[in-house]
C-alpha atoms as a PDB file:
ATOM      1  CA  UNK A   1       0.000   0.000   0.000  1.00  0.00           C
ATOM      2  CA  UNK A   2       1.355   3.413  -1.009  1.00  0.00           C
ATOM      3  CA  UNK A   3       2.130   5.899   1.744  1.00  0.00           C
ATOM      4  CA  UNK A   4       1.261   9.566   1.412  1.00  0.00           C
ATOM      5  CA  UNK A   5       4.461  11.589   1.285  1.00  0.00           C
ATOM      6  CA  UNK A   6       3.511  15.051  -0.019  1.00  0.00           C
ATOM      7  CA  UNK A   7       0.127  16.749   0.236  1.00  0.00           C
ATOM      8  CA  UNK A   8      -0.490  20.120  -1.415  1.00  0.00           C
ATOM      9  CA  UNK A   9      -3.579  22.046  -0.338  1.00  0.00           C
ATOM     10  CA  UNK A  10      -4.971  25.080  -2.179  1.00  0.00           C
ATOM     11  CA  UNK A  11      -1.503  26.377  -3.074  1.00  0.00           C
ATOM     12  CA  UNK A  12      -1.377  29.886  -4.503  1.00  0.00           C
ATOM     13  CA  UNK A  13       1.572  31.974  -5.632  1.00  0.00           C
ATOM     14  CA  UNK A  14       1.398  35.563  -6.840  1.00  0.00           C
ATOM     15  CA  UNK A  15       4.189  37.969  -7.708  1.00  0.00           C
ATOM     16  CA  UNK A  16       3.147  41.475  -6.746  1.00  0.00           C
ATOM     17  CA  UNK A  17       4.721  44.751  -7.798  1.00  0.00           C
ATOM     18  CA  UNK A  18       3.434  48.336  -7.575  1.00  0.00           C
ATOM     19  CA  UNK A  19       2.364  48.071 -11.206  1.00  0.00           C
ATOM     20  CA  UNK A  20       0.727  44.656 -11.343  1.00  0.00           C
ATOM     21  CA  UNK A  21      -0.105  41.320  -9.722  1.00  0.00           C
ATOM     22  CA  UNK A  22       0.826  38.113 -11.517  1.00  0.00           C
ATOM     23  CA  UNK A  23      -1.010  35.027 -10.242  1.00  0.00           C
ATOM     24  CA  UNK A  24       1.100  32.030 -11.287  1.00  0.00           C
ATOM     25  CA  UNK A  25      -0.574  29.324  -9.197  1.00  0.00           C
ATOM     26  CA  UNK A  26      -4.274  29.595  -8.336  1.00  0.00           C
ATOM     27  CA  UNK A  27      -5.277  27.013  -5.752  1.00  0.00           C
ATOM     28  CA  UNK A  28      -3.390  23.811  -6.616  1.00  0.00           C
ATOM     29  CA  UNK A  29      -4.189  20.667  -4.621  1.00  0.00           C
ATOM     30  CA  UNK A  30      -2.781  17.158  -5.087  1.00  0.00           C
ATOM     31  CA  UNK A  31      -1.138  14.267  -3.253  1.00  0.00           C
ATOM     32  CA  UNK A  32       2.105  12.438  -4.042  1.00  0.00           C
ATOM     33  CA  UNK A  33       2.865   9.017  -2.618  1.00  0.00           C
ATOM     34  CA  UNK A  34       6.248   7.536  -1.703  1.00  0.00           C
ATOM     35  CA  UNK A  35       7.870   6.021  -4.777  1.00  0.00           C
ATOM     36  CA  UNK A  36       5.762   7.992  -7.284  1.00  0.00           C
ATOM     37  CA  UNK A  37       7.379   9.225 -10.488  1.00  0.00           C
ATOM     38  CA  UNK A  38       5.489  12.434 -11.211  1.00  0.00           C
ATOM     39  CA  UNK A  39       5.710  14.630 -14.291  1.00  0.00           C
ATOM     40  CA  UNK A  40       4.657  18.270 -14.131  1.00  0.00           C
ATOM     41  CA  UNK A  41       3.672  18.940 -17.740  1.00  0.00           C
ATOM     42  CA  UNK A  42       3.074  22.382 -19.173  1.00  0.00           C
ATOM     43  CA  UNK A  43       4.214  25.025 -21.616  1.00  0.00           C
ATOM     44  CA  UNK A  44       6.928  27.516 -20.706  1.00  0.00           C
ATOM     45  CA  UNK A  45       5.575  30.012 -18.197  1.00  0.00           C
ATOM     46  CA  UNK A  46       2.862  27.692 -16.879  1.00  0.00           C
ATOM     47  CA  UNK A  47       4.327  27.660 -13.367  1.00  0.00           C
ATOM     48  CA  UNK A  48       6.268  24.390 -13.341  1.00  0.00           C
ATOM     49  CA  UNK A  49       9.482  25.848 -11.894  1.00  0.00           C
ATOM     50  CA  UNK A  50       7.505  28.008  -9.463  1.00  0.00           C
ATOM     51  CA  UNK A  51       5.770  24.887  -8.155  1.00  0.00           C
ATOM     52  CA  UNK A  52       9.101  23.059  -7.790  1.00  0.00           C
ATOM     53  CA  UNK A  53      10.536  26.011  -5.857  1.00  0.00           C
ATOM     54  CA  UNK A  54       7.588  25.902  -3.477  1.00  0.00           C
ATOM     55  CA  UNK A  55       7.780  22.123  -3.037  1.00  0.00           C
ATOM     56  CA  UNK A  56      11.469  22.372  -2.158  1.00  0.00           C
ATOM     57  CA  UNK A  57      11.080  25.314   0.219  1.00  0.00           C
ATOM     58  CA  UNK A  58      13.139  27.621  -1.984  1.00  0.00           C
ATOM     59  CA  UNK A  59      10.136  29.963  -2.111  1.00  0.00           C
ATOM     60  CA  UNK A  60       7.060  30.562   0.035  1.00  0.00           C
ATOM     61  CA  UNK A  61       3.447  30.433  -1.169  1.00  0.00           C
ATOM     62  CA  UNK A  62       1.132  33.404  -1.100  1.00  0.00           C
ATOM     63  CA  UNK A  63      -1.399  31.084   0.533  1.00  0.00           C
ATOM     64  CA  UNK A  64      -2.040  27.383   0.939  1.00  0.00           C
ATOM     65  CA  UNK A  65       0.314  24.768   2.351  1.00  0.00           C
ATOM     66  CA  UNK A  66       2.601  21.845   1.514  1.00  0.00           C
ATOM     67  CA  UNK A  67       2.776  18.912   3.918  1.00  0.00           C
ATOM     68  CA  UNK A  68       5.608  16.384   4.142  1.00  0.00           C
ATOM     69  CA  UNK A  69       4.560  13.332   6.151  1.00  0.00           C
ATOM     70  CA  UNK A  70       1.735  15.465   7.549  1.00  0.00           C
ATOM     71  CA  UNK A  71       4.044  18.267   8.719  1.00  0.00           C
ATOM     72  CA  UNK A  72       3.372  21.706   7.168  1.00  0.00           C
ATOM     73  CA  UNK A  73       6.579  22.787   5.434  1.00  0.00           C
ATOM     74  CA  UNK A  74       6.122  26.485   6.047  1.00  0.00           C
ATOM     75  CA  UNK A  75       5.571  26.036   9.760  1.00  0.00           C
ATOM     76  CA  UNK A  76       9.319  25.338   9.932  1.00  0.00           C
ATOM     77  CA  UNK A  77      11.933  28.034  10.428  1.00  0.00           C
ATOM     78  CA  UNK A  78      14.203  28.956   7.511  1.00  0.00           C
ATOM     79  CA  UNK A  79      17.040  27.020   9.141  1.00  0.00           C
ATOM     80  CA  UNK A  80      14.818  23.967   9.542  1.00  0.00           C
ATOM     81  CA  UNK A  81      13.692  24.173   5.908  1.00  0.00           C
ATOM     82  CA  UNK A  82      17.327  24.435   4.800  1.00  0.00           C
ATOM     83  CA  UNK A  83      18.227  21.389   6.886  1.00  0.00           C
ATOM     84  CA  UNK A  84      15.230  19.432   5.549  1.00  0.00           C
ATOM     85  CA  UNK A  85      16.181  20.297   1.968  1.00  0.00           C
ATOM     86  CA  UNK A  86      19.853  19.430   2.485  1.00  0.00           C
ATOM     87  CA  UNK A  87      19.057  16.003   3.928  1.00  0.00           C
ATOM     88  CA  UNK A  88      15.992  14.979   1.936  1.00  0.00           C
ATOM     89  CA  UNK A  89      15.893  16.576  -1.520  1.00  0.00           C
ATOM     90  CA  UNK A  90      18.187  16.053  -4.500  1.00  0.00           C
ATOM     91  CA  UNK A  91      18.106  18.595  -7.349  1.00  0.00           C
ATOM     92  CA  UNK A  92      18.816  18.198 -11.062  1.00  0.00           C
ATOM     93  CA  UNK A  93      18.698  21.413 -13.104  1.00  0.00           C
ATOM     94  CA  UNK A  94      18.290  22.063 -16.822  1.00  0.00           C
ATOM     95  CA  UNK A  95      21.588  23.968 -16.970  1.00  0.00           C
ATOM     96  CA  UNK A  96      23.414  21.644 -14.549  1.00  0.00           C
ATOM     97  CA  UNK A  97      24.517  24.265 -11.943  1.00  0.00           C
ATOM     98  CA  UNK A  98      27.954  22.673 -11.601  1.00  0.00           C
ATOM     99  CA  UNK A  99      30.773  24.559  -9.899  1.00  0.00           C
ATOM    100  CA  UNK A 100      33.102  25.373 -12.788  1.00  0.00           C
ATOM    101  CA  UNK A 101      36.318  25.361 -10.747  1.00  0.00           C
ATOM    102  CA  UNK A 102      35.514  21.990  -9.137  1.00  0.00           C
ATOM    103  CA  UNK A 103      36.189  18.614 -10.722  1.00  0.00           C
ATOM    104  CA  UNK A 104      33.349  16.158 -11.251  1.00  0.00           C
ATOM    105  CA  UNK A 105      34.375  14.412  -8.051  1.00  0.00           C
ATOM    106  CA  UNK A 106      34.515  17.662  -6.065  1.00  0.00           C
ATOM    107  CA  UNK A 107      31.077  18.695  -7.372  1.00  0.00           C
ATOM    108  CA  UNK A 108      29.544  15.464  -6.095  1.00  0.00           C
ATOM    109  CA  UNK A 109      31.432  15.647  -2.794  1.00  0.00           C
ATOM    110  CA  UNK A 110      30.291  19.197  -1.992  1.00  0.00           C
ATOM    111  CA  UNK A 111      26.796  18.414  -0.580  1.00  0.00           C
ATOM    112  CA  UNK A 112      28.215  15.546   1.485  1.00  0.00           C
ATOM    113  CA  UNK A 113      30.798  17.865   3.039  1.00  0.00           C
ATOM    114  CA  UNK A 114      28.031  20.394   3.744  1.00  0.00           C
ATOM    115  CA  UNK A 115      26.184  17.631   5.600  1.00  0.00           C
ATOM    116  CA  UNK A 116      29.213  17.235   7.847  1.00  0.00           C
ATOM    117  CA  UNK A 117      30.623  13.973   6.489  1.00  0.00           C
ATOM    118  CA  UNK A 118      34.362  13.400   6.491  1.00  0.00           C
ATOM    119  CA  UNK A 119      36.416  14.010   3.357  1.00  0.00           C
ATOM    120  CA  UNK A 120      37.349  10.320   3.021  1.00  0.00           C
ATOM    121  CA  UNK A 121      33.717   9.169   3.388  1.00  0.00           C
ATOM    122  CA  UNK A 122      32.515  11.859   0.953  1.00  0.00           C
ATOM    123  CA  UNK A 123      35.169  10.921  -1.579  1.00  0.00           C
ATOM    124  CA  UNK A 124      34.399   7.198  -1.466  1.00  0.00           C
ATOM    125  CA  UNK A 125      30.642   7.661  -1.770  1.00  0.00           C
ATOM    126  CA  UNK A 126      31.090  10.216  -4.572  1.00  0.00           C
ATOM    127  CA  UNK A 127      33.328   7.816  -6.507  1.00  0.00           C
ATOM    128  CA  UNK A 128      30.620   5.168  -6.185  1.00  0.00           C
ATOM    129  CA  UNK A 129      27.931   7.593  -7.364  1.00  0.00           C
ATOM    130  CA  UNK A 130      29.999   8.659 -10.376  1.00  0.00           C
ATOM    131  CA  UNK A 131      30.462   4.987 -11.194  1.00  0.00           C
ATOM    132  CA  UNK A 132      26.677   4.491 -11.040  1.00  0.00           C
ATOM    133  CA  UNK A 133      26.182   7.203 -13.674  1.00  0.00           C
ATOM    134  CA  UNK A 134      28.953   5.836 -15.904  1.00  0.00           C
ATOM    135  CA  UNK A 135      31.626   8.454 -15.235  1.00  0.00           C
ATOM    136  CA  UNK A 136      34.377   6.533 -13.428  1.00  0.00           C
ATOM    137  CA  UNK A 137      36.838   7.805 -16.036  1.00  0.00           C
ATOM    138  CA  UNK A 138      35.814  11.479 -15.610  1.00  0.00           C
ATOM    139  CA  UNK A 139      36.244  12.012 -11.864  1.00  0.00           C
ATOM    140  CA  UNK A 140      39.100  14.495 -12.305  1.00  0.00           C
ATOM    141  CA  UNK A 141      37.540  16.346 -15.243  1.00  0.00           C
ATOM    142  CA  UNK A 142      36.260  19.908 -14.937  1.00  0.00           C
ATOM    143  CA  UNK A 143      32.832  20.889 -16.331  1.00  0.00           C
ATOM    144  CA  UNK A 144      34.338  22.613 -19.375  1.00  0.00           C
ATOM    145  CA  UNK A 145      35.981  19.295 -20.293  1.00  0.00           C
ATOM    146  CA  UNK A 146      32.667  17.431 -20.280  1.00  0.00           C
ATOM    147  CA  UNK A 147      29.872  17.116 -22.829  1.00  0.00           C
ATOM    148  CA  UNK A 148      26.378  18.315 -21.926  1.00  0.00           C
ATOM    149  CA  UNK A 149      25.257  14.765 -21.274  1.00  0.00           C
ATOM    150  CA  UNK A 150      28.255  14.115 -19.030  1.00  0.00           C
ATOM    151  CA  UNK A 151      27.582  17.335 -17.108  1.00  0.00           C
ATOM    152  CA  UNK A 152      24.029  16.183 -16.476  1.00  0.00           C
ATOM    153  CA  UNK A 153      25.322  12.801 -15.285  1.00  0.00           C
ATOM    154  CA  UNK A 154      27.553  14.611 -12.772  1.00  0.00           C
ATOM    155  CA  UNK A 155      24.494  16.605 -11.676  1.00  0.00           C
ATOM    156  CA  UNK A 156      22.531  13.371 -11.221  1.00  0.00           C
ATOM    157  CA  UNK A 157      25.321  11.866  -9.112  1.00  0.00           C
ATOM    158  CA  UNK A 158      25.434  15.054  -7.022  1.00  0.00           C
ATOM    159  CA  UNK A 159      21.654  14.952  -6.511  1.00  0.00           C
ATOM    160  CA  UNK A 160      22.018  11.512  -4.901  1.00  0.00           C
ATOM    161  CA  UNK A 161      24.812  12.629  -2.558  1.00  0.00           C
ATOM    162  CA  UNK A 162      22.832  12.304   0.664  1.00  0.00           C
ATOM    163  CA  UNK A 163      23.097   9.843   3.544  1.00  0.00           C
ATOM    164  CA  UNK A 164      20.836   8.013   3.263  1.00  0.00           C
ATOM    165  CA  UNK A 165      19.745   8.664  -0.334  1.00  0.00           C
ATOM    166  CA  UNK A 166      17.346  11.611  -0.804  1.00  0.00           C
ATOM    167  CA  UNK A 167      13.683  10.826  -0.281  1.00  0.00           C
ATOM    168  CA  UNK A 168      12.725  13.238  -3.062  1.00  0.00           C
ATOM    169  CA  UNK A 169      14.458  13.812  -6.392  1.00  0.00           C
ATOM    170  CA  UNK A 170      13.475  17.018  -8.213  1.00  0.00           C
ATOM    171  CA  UNK A 171      14.482  17.470 -11.861  1.00  0.00           C
ATOM    172  CA  UNK A 172      13.621  20.744 -13.624  1.00  0.00           C
ATOM    173  CA  UNK A 173      13.546  20.159 -17.410  1.00  0.00           C
ATOM    174  CA  UNK A 174      16.474  17.697 -17.136  1.00  0.00           C
ATOM    175  CA  UNK A 175      16.550  17.105 -20.911  1.00  0.00           C
ATOM    176  CA  UNK A 176      15.868  20.706 -21.932  1.00  0.00           C
ATOM    177  CA  UNK A 177      19.375  21.500 -23.235  1.00  0.00           C
ATOM    178  CA  UNK A 178      20.171  18.031 -24.566  1.00  0.00           C
ATOM    179  CA  UNK A 179      19.681  16.431 -27.965  1.00  0.00           C
ATOM    180  CA  UNK A 180      16.970  13.764 -28.115  1.00  0.00           C
ATOM    181  CA  UNK A 181      19.316  10.768 -27.969  1.00  0.00           C
ATOM    182  CA  UNK A 182      21.239  12.127 -24.975  1.00  0.00           C
ATOM    183  CA  UNK A 183      17.999  13.232 -23.341  1.00  0.00           C
ATOM    184  CA  UNK A 184      16.582   9.730 -23.665  1.00  0.00           C
ATOM    185  CA  UNK A 185      19.626   8.224 -21.964  1.00  0.00           C
ATOM    186  CA  UNK A 186      19.495  10.808 -19.173  1.00  0.00           C
ATOM    187  CA  UNK A 187      15.819  10.123 -18.458  1.00  0.00           C
ATOM    188  CA  UNK A 188      16.487   6.377 -18.520  1.00  0.00           C
ATOM    189  CA  UNK A 189      19.281   6.910 -16.004  1.00  0.00           C
ATOM    190  CA  UNK A 190      17.191   9.149 -13.704  1.00  0.00           C
ATOM    191  CA  UNK A 191      14.233   6.778 -13.675  1.00  0.00           C
ATOM    192  CA  UNK A 192      16.421   3.700 -13.275  1.00  0.00           C
ATOM    193  CA  UNK A 193      18.217   5.178 -10.265  1.00  0.00           C
ATOM    194  CA  UNK A 194      14.884   6.344  -8.853  1.00  0.00           C
ATOM    195  CA  UNK A 195      13.545   2.788  -8.893  1.00  0.00           C
ATOM    196  CA  UNK A 196      16.822   1.264  -7.680  1.00  0.00           C
ATOM    197  CA  UNK A 197      17.007   3.549  -4.660  1.00  0.00           C
ATOM    198  CA  UNK A 198      13.232   3.782  -4.047  1.00  0.00           C
ATOM    199  CA  UNK A 199      13.062   7.550  -4.529  1.00  0.00           C
ATOM    200  CA  UNK A 200      10.025   9.745  -5.051  1.00  0.00           C
ATOM    201  CA  UNK A 201      10.749  11.700  -8.229  1.00  0.00           C
ATOM    202  CA  UNK A 202       9.184  14.863  -9.646  1.00  0.00           C
ATOM    203  CA  UNK A 203      10.328  16.181 -13.017  1.00  0.00           C
ATOM    204  CA  UNK A 204       9.083  18.941 -15.292  1.00  0.00           C
ATOM    205  CA  UNK A 205       8.827  18.957 -19.043  1.00  0.00           C
ATOM    206  CA  UNK A 206       6.914  20.508 -21.912  1.00  0.00           C
ATOM    207  CA  UNK A 207       7.529  17.495 -24.164  1.00  0.00           C
ATOM    208  CA  UNK A 208       4.929  14.765 -24.453  1.00  0.00           C
ATOM    209  CA  UNK A 209       7.361  11.915 -25.114  1.00  0.00           C
ATOM    210  CA  UNK A 210       9.230  12.738 -21.879  1.00  0.00           C
ATOM    211  CA  UNK A 211       5.998  13.035 -19.893  1.00  0.00           C
ATOM    212  CA  UNK A 212       4.984   9.525 -20.984  1.00  0.00           C
ATOM    213  CA  UNK A 213       7.840   8.108 -18.888  1.00  0.00           C
ATOM    214  CA  UNK A 214       6.116   9.111 -15.626  1.00  0.00           C
ATOM    215  CA  UNK A 215       3.739   6.980 -13.608  1.00  0.00           C
ATOM    216  CA  UNK A 216       1.607  10.045 -12.824  1.00  0.00           C
ATOM    217  CA  UNK A 217       1.149  13.261 -14.822  1.00  0.00           C
ATOM    218  CA  UNK A 218      -0.072  16.642 -13.593  1.00  0.00           C
ATOM    219  CA  UNK A 219      -0.850  19.244 -16.255  1.00  0.00           C
ATOM    220  CA  UNK A 220      -0.297  22.899 -15.291  1.00  0.00           C
ATOM    221  CA  UNK A 221      -2.583  25.280 -17.136  1.00  0.00           C
ATOM    222  CA  UNK A 222      -3.988  28.650 -16.083  1.00  0.00           C
ATOM    223  CA  UNK A 223      -2.445  28.325 -12.629  1.00  0.00           C
ATOM    224  CA  UNK A 224      -4.290  25.060 -11.919  1.00  0.00           C
ATOM    225  CA  UNK A 225      -3.176  21.430 -11.759  1.00  0.00           C
ATOM    226  CA  UNK A 226      -5.119  18.757 -13.638  1.00  0.00           C
ATOM    227  CA  UNK A 227      -4.367  15.058 -13.215  1.00  0.00           C
ATOM    228  CA  UNK A 228      -4.172  13.256 -16.564  1.00  0.00           C
ATOM    229  CA  UNK A 229      -4.921   9.646 -17.350  1.00  0.00           C
ATOM    230  CA  UNK A 230      -2.146   7.693 -19.098  1.00  0.00           C
ATOM    231  CA  UNK A 231      -4.434   7.238 -22.085  1.00  0.00           C
ATOM    232  CA  UNK A 232      -4.694  11.027 -22.464  1.00  0.00           C
ATOM    233  CA  UNK A 233      -1.045  11.156 -23.522  1.00  0.00           C
ATOM    234  CA  UNK A 234      -1.885   9.099 -26.599  1.00  0.00           C
ATOM    235  CA  UNK A 235      -4.291  11.791 -27.768  1.00  0.00           C
ATOM    236  CA  UNK A 236      -2.078  14.696 -28.794  1.00  0.00           C
ATOM    237  CA  UNK A 237      -4.991  16.762 -30.082  1.00  0.00           C
ATOM    238  CA  UNK A 238      -6.560  16.524 -26.612  1.00  0.00           C
ATOM    239  CA  UNK A 239      -3.339  17.666 -24.968  1.00  0.00           C
ATOM    240  CA  UNK A 240      -2.747  20.499 -27.429  1.00  0.00           C
ATOM    241  CA  UNK A 241      -6.201  21.816 -26.630  1.00  0.00           C
ATOM    242  CA  UNK A 242      -5.295  21.896 -22.949  1.00  0.00           C
ATOM    243  CA  UNK A 243      -1.853  23.493 -23.144  1.00  0.00           C
END
């Protein structure tokens, strides 16, 4: 039986300036269970990244709440949210966010060192993670010596650098800057590692063929979230009418 992990209730997010108010999310509610692979599907500007930022505690909602294991995220202090994020959430970004003056190994080690682990422990675990993503021969390479696909593999290894593994893996358009063949291999790697390590995974995309890889799909449109049936993804005219 699946266990509820994340519950989102009536989540709203508006950006307000003296000149205007921009309502990005307008009362989103949904539940995510442990082990789910969830795709947030929507066109650019539909609020996918905003929703990820709220789910990870990087931003605060205008109203509504996010619950992890029944605990309201925004009842925590900023320090507690930072600690929760550091220990529980792994991030994969569209543009990698690697530290340019760090080697692949040092990039993966960095979150482990921030968690207070020793250098020898961090190094050994990071070497294992780089091996899992097929980069044992690139541990001493700098980002500018790596292809885009290799950079994303380093980012995937870094996202898993938690002890124990992160409970939640968040990937924001992980194939957005990659060619289709490389993107396919990256998604296969992310989903394979997610299953292997029993992670809950949320990724965003605007591409239907990537969305089809998820076990659950939420469509963002007009600031709302709509749950789609798997069969809906086989009807592209239906989807185009929604997005």
